[in-house]
Amino acid sequence: MQTFTLHGRSIELAAWLRPERKATAQRSAWLCGTWLTVLTGGDILALRVHLKGREIETEWGDRVGSSEAGAWLLIDDVVLTSRQIVEQRALPAGMFSHVSRATIRPNTLLNIGIASPLYGFAGGGWQAEWVGQERVCFATLPNIWHGRTGTA
């Protein structure tokens, strides 16, 4: 496991830093336009939140849609309410309807970094963008996410 640090926040991943950064699909998605490119060395579990292929119109008039097999993944702390996920990962739709477990295989190239404040959301959560080599394996999880916190 290696420790990667950006903007004072650290994450441990089974991965190695690549000397050159891979291009990103959306530079503004990264806090201060900063990301790292890593090559995974072991399986990494992540989450993918999505709309199961459905398109919706945002309050900005954009049409956004997402499906299970996508490039953007939640890494690090994902034990959050649905609202916290939307806020910390600055999801363009402002919502999601489905959650999938994403198994990132060894020898996968990822861009990793902190989500930038976008779409009226704070950002601040670790995210990964698949940029090449091995494919990510997805498995839909039952709809168990809630919009509020509680105590046990």
Protein backbone atom coordinates (compact mmCIF):
# COMPACT_ATOMS: atom_id res chain seq x y z
CA MET A 1 0.00 0.00 0.00
CA GLN A 2 1.20 3.46 -0.86
CA THR A 3 0.05 6.73 0.60
CA PHE A 4 -0.93 9.50 -1.81
CA THR A 5 -1.46 13.07 -0.58
CA LEU A 6 -3.16 16.00 -2.32
CA HIS A 7 -4.28 19.27 -0.73
CA GLY A 8 -3.46 17.96 2.76
CA ARG A 9 -5.64 14.84 2.40
CA SER A 10 -4.16 11.34 2.20
CA ILE A 11 -5.35 8.01 0.88
CA GLU A 12 -3.74 4.56 0.92
CA LEU A 13 -4.09 2.48 -2.23
CA ALA A 14 -2.53 -0.66 -3.68
CA ALA A 15 -1.02 1.39 -6.51
CA TRP A 16 2.13 3.10 -7.79
CA LEU A 17 2.46 6.69 -8.91
CA ARG A 18 3.04 7.07 -12.66
CA PRO A 19 5.61 9.69 -13.70
CA GLU A 20 3.30 11.21 -16.32
CA ARG A 21 -0.29 12.28 -15.75
CA LYS A 22 -2.93 10.87 -18.08
CA ALA A 23 -5.41 13.28 -19.63
CA THR A 24 -8.73 13.69 -17.84
CA ALA A 25 -12.21 13.93 -19.32
CA GLN A 26 -13.03 16.92 -17.10
CA ARG A 27 -10.25 19.08 -15.69
CA SER A 28 -12.72 21.10 -13.60
CA ALA A 29 -13.73 17.94 -11.68
CA TRP A 30 -10.39 18.01 -9.81
CA LEU A 31 -9.72 20.40 -6.94
CA CYS A 32 -7.40 23.15 -8.25
CA GLY A 33 -7.08 21.14 -11.49
CA THR A 34 -4.75 18.71 -9.71
CA TRP A 35 -4.78 14.92 -10.00
CA LEU A 36 -2.33 12.03 -9.92
CA THR A 37 -2.13 9.06 -12.28
CA VAL A 38 -1.54 5.68 -10.67
CA LEU A 39 -1.20 2.07 -11.80
CA THR A 40 -2.99 -0.35 -9.50
CA GLY A 41 -1.07 -3.26 -8.01
CA GLY A 42 -3.96 -5.17 -6.47
CA ASP A 43 -7.75 -5.21 -6.38
CA ILE A 44 -9.25 -1.97 -5.09
CA LEU A 45 -12.92 -1.80 -4.09
CA ALA A 46 -14.79 1.37 -4.98
CA LEU A 47 -18.36 2.50 -5.60
CA ARG A 48 -20.06 3.80 -8.70
CA VAL A 49 -23.28 5.80 -8.23
CA HIS A 50 -25.42 6.25 -11.31
CA LEU A 51 -28.86 6.73 -12.84
CA LYS A 52 -28.94 3.30 -14.55
CA GLY A 53 -28.80 4.88 -18.00
CA ARG A 54 -31.61 7.36 -17.37
CA GLU A 55 -31.12 10.99 -18.41
CA ILE A 56 -32.37 13.90 -16.35
CA GLU A 57 -32.33 17.64 -16.84
CA THR A 58 -30.36 19.64 -14.29
CA GLU A 59 -31.34 23.02 -12.93
CA TRP A 60 -28.74 24.48 -15.34
CA GLY A 61 -30.63 23.05 -18.33
CA ASP A 62 -28.01 20.38 -19.04
CA ARG A 63 -29.05 16.81 -19.72
CA VAL A 64 -26.95 14.34 -17.80
CA GLY A 65 -27.13 10.60 -17.60
CA SER A 66 -24.98 7.85 -16.21
CA SER A 67 -24.89 4.10 -16.37
CA GLU A 68 -23.33 1.39 -14.27
CA ALA A 69 -20.21 1.03 -16.42
CA GLY A 70 -18.64 4.45 -16.12
CA ALA A 71 -15.21 5.98 -15.65
CA TRP A 72 -15.82 8.00 -12.45
CA LEU A 73 -15.62 6.12 -9.14
CA LEU A 74 -15.87 6.91 -5.42
CA ILE A 75 -12.81 5.84 -3.44
CA ASP A 76 -11.83 6.24 0.21
CA ASP A 77 -14.71 6.92 2.64
CA VAL A 78 -17.94 5.82 0.97
CA VAL A 79 -19.92 5.04 4.12
CA LEU A 80 -22.04 8.16 3.75
CA THR A 81 -25.67 9.15 3.23
CA SER A 82 -26.79 9.66 -0.35
CA ARG A 83 -26.80 13.43 0.24
CA GLN A 84 -23.22 13.36 1.55
CA ILE A 85 -22.11 11.40 -1.53
CA VAL A 86 -23.73 13.98 -3.83
CA GLU A 87 -22.17 16.86 -1.86
CA GLN A 88 -18.65 15.44 -1.48
CA ARG A 89 -18.35 14.12 -5.04
CA ALA A 90 -20.19 17.11 -6.63
CA LEU A 91 -22.41 14.90 -8.80
CA PRO A 92 -23.68 16.77 -11.86
CA ALA A 93 -27.20 15.35 -11.63
CA GLY A 94 -27.43 16.24 -7.93
CA MET A 95 -28.72 12.74 -7.30
CA PHE A 96 -28.30 9.05 -8.12
CA SER A 97 -30.71 6.15 -8.17
CA HIS A 98 -28.41 3.12 -8.16
CA VAL A 99 -25.17 2.03 -6.51
CA SER A 100 -22.71 -0.51 -7.89
CA ARG A 101 -19.65 -2.09 -6.35
CA ALA A 102 -16.65 -1.46 -8.58
CA THR A 103 -13.71 -3.84 -8.42
CA ILE A 104 -10.66 -2.14 -9.87
CA ARG A 105 -8.28 -4.84 -11.06
CA PRO A 106 -4.46 -4.83 -10.94
CA ASN A 107 -2.74 -3.03 -13.84
CA THR A 108 -5.52 -0.47 -14.15
CA LEU A 109 -4.61 3.14 -14.85
CA LEU A 110 -6.52 5.66 -12.74
CA ASN A 111 -6.49 9.37 -12.25
CA ILE A 112 -7.10 10.02 -8.55
CA GLY A 113 -7.72 13.21 -6.64
CA ILE A 114 -10.12 15.37 -4.66
CA ALA A 115 -13.50 16.34 -6.14
CA SER A 116 -13.72 20.04 -6.91
CA PRO A 117 -16.68 22.20 -5.84
CA LEU A 118 -19.05 22.04 -8.82
CA TYR A 119 -22.77 22.26 -9.58
CA GLY A 120 -23.41 24.04 -6.29
CA PHE A 121 -21.87 21.22 -4.20
CA ALA A 122 -18.85 21.40 -1.89
CA GLY A 123 -16.75 18.54 -3.29
CA GLY A 124 -13.85 17.39 -1.13
CA GLY A 125 -14.15 13.61 -1.47
CA TRP A 126 -11.57 11.32 -3.07
CA GLN A 127 -12.51 10.14 -6.55
CA ALA A 128 -10.96 8.06 -9.31
CA GLU A 129 -11.31 8.24 -13.08
CA TRP A 130 -10.59 5.11 -15.12
CA VAL A 131 -8.15 6.05 -17.88
CA GLY A 132 -6.93 2.76 -19.27
CA GLN A 133 -5.64 -0.76 -19.41
CA GLU A 134 -7.63 -3.25 -17.31
CA ARG A 135 -11.41 -2.93 -17.12
CA VAL A 136 -13.31 -2.26 -13.92
CA CYS A 137 -15.87 -4.94 -12.93
CA PHE A 138 -19.26 -3.68 -11.74
CA ALA A 139 -21.97 -5.38 -9.67
CA THR A 140 -25.25 -3.63 -8.81
CA LEU A 141 -25.99 -3.41 -5.09
CA PRO A 142 -29.49 -3.40 -3.59
CA ASN A 143 -30.90 0.09 -3.05
CA ILE A 144 -29.89 0.52 0.57
CA TRP A 145 -28.71 4.14 0.59
CA HIS A 146 -30.55 6.64 2.75
CA GLY A 147 -30.70 10.39 2.70
CA ARG A 148 -30.32 10.91 6.42
CA THR A 149 -28.01 9.86 9.23
CA GLY A 150 -28.99 8.22 12.47
CA THR A 151 -27.59 6.63 15.60
CA ALA A 152 -27.37 2.99 16.51
